[in-house]
């Protein structure tokens, strides 16, 4: 598991106040090519780790509307 001490976590600018937010840290461990995601309400509950390619594919899907209901 990566040491995320000092990671710069950020929320989406589109996050509301409903409490359903995630935070992303992608700048701390750029050399490892990973992106980390956690629940903003429970930051100590764990993180998900994605490769840079996986994250790029996810963001592309969001932009293309693949997850729209």
Protein backbone atom coordinates (compact mmCIF):
# COMPACT_ATOMS: atom_id res chain seq x y z
CA UNK A 1 0.00 0.00 0.00
CA UNK A 2 1.24 3.46 -0.85
CA UNK A 3 2.04 5.97 1.86
CA UNK A 4 -0.45 8.78 1.20
CA UNK A 5 0.85 11.04 3.96
CA UNK A 6 0.90 14.57 2.61
CA UNK A 7 -1.23 13.76 -0.43
CA UNK A 8 -3.06 16.73 -1.92
CA UNK A 9 -6.67 15.53 -1.99
CA UNK A 10 -9.22 17.45 -4.05
CA UNK A 11 -12.95 17.25 -4.66
CA UNK A 12 -14.73 17.89 -7.91
CA UNK A 13 -15.78 21.48 -8.46
CA UNK A 14 -19.24 20.06 -9.14
CA UNK A 15 -19.54 18.41 -5.73
CA UNK A 16 -22.54 19.62 -3.83
CA UNK A 17 -23.26 19.70 -0.12
CA UNK A 18 -25.17 16.41 -0.20
CA UNK A 19 -22.29 14.46 1.29
CA UNK A 20 -21.88 12.09 -1.66
CA UNK A 21 -18.41 13.22 -2.65
CA UNK A 22 -15.17 11.51 -3.43
CA UNK A 23 -11.69 12.99 -3.31
CA UNK A 24 -8.84 12.30 -5.72
CA UNK A 25 -5.09 12.45 -5.16
CA UNK A 26 -3.13 12.19 -8.37
CA UNK A 27 -0.20 14.53 -7.96
CA UNK A 28 1.71 13.01 -5.03
CA UNK A 29 2.63 9.72 -6.64
CA UNK A 30 2.77 10.71 -10.29
CA UNK A 31 6.02 8.84 -10.59
CA UNK A 32 4.14 5.62 -9.82
CA UNK A 33 1.45 6.40 -12.38
CA UNK A 34 -1.41 5.88 -9.96
CA UNK A 35 -4.49 7.86 -9.01
CA UNK A 36 -6.08 7.41 -5.58
CA UNK A 37 -9.75 7.91 -4.70
CA UNK A 38 -11.40 8.02 -1.26
CA UNK A 39 -14.74 8.86 0.33
CA UNK A 40 -14.64 12.46 1.54
CA UNK A 41 -16.94 11.66 4.49
CA UNK A 42 -14.73 8.82 5.73
CA UNK A 43 -11.20 9.53 4.54
CA UNK A 44 -9.66 6.91 6.84
CA UNK A 45 -11.90 4.10 5.55
CA UNK A 46 -9.51 3.24 2.72
CA UNK A 47 -8.67 4.22 -0.83
CA UNK A 48 -9.04 2.83 -4.30
CA UNK A 49 -5.99 2.90 -6.57
CA UNK A 50 -6.18 3.15 -10.35
CA UNK A 51 -3.52 3.20 -13.00
CA UNK A 52 -3.24 6.41 -14.97
CA UNK A 53 -4.69 4.58 -18.01
CA UNK A 54 -7.69 3.31 -16.03
CA UNK A 55 -8.38 6.78 -14.65
CA UNK A 56 -8.09 8.37 -18.10
CA UNK A 57 -10.56 5.82 -19.50
CA UNK A 58 -13.00 6.51 -16.65
CA UNK A 59 -12.83 10.28 -17.12
CA UNK A 60 -13.34 9.81 -20.87
CA UNK A 61 -16.43 7.70 -20.16
CA UNK A 62 -17.83 10.36 -17.86
CA UNK A 63 -17.28 13.05 -20.48
CA UNK A 64 -18.88 10.88 -23.17
CA UNK A 65 -21.98 10.28 -21.05
CA UNK A 66 -21.44 6.54 -20.59
CA UNK A 67 -22.69 6.71 -17.01
CA UNK A 68 -25.65 9.05 -17.51
CA UNK A 69 -28.95 7.61 -16.37
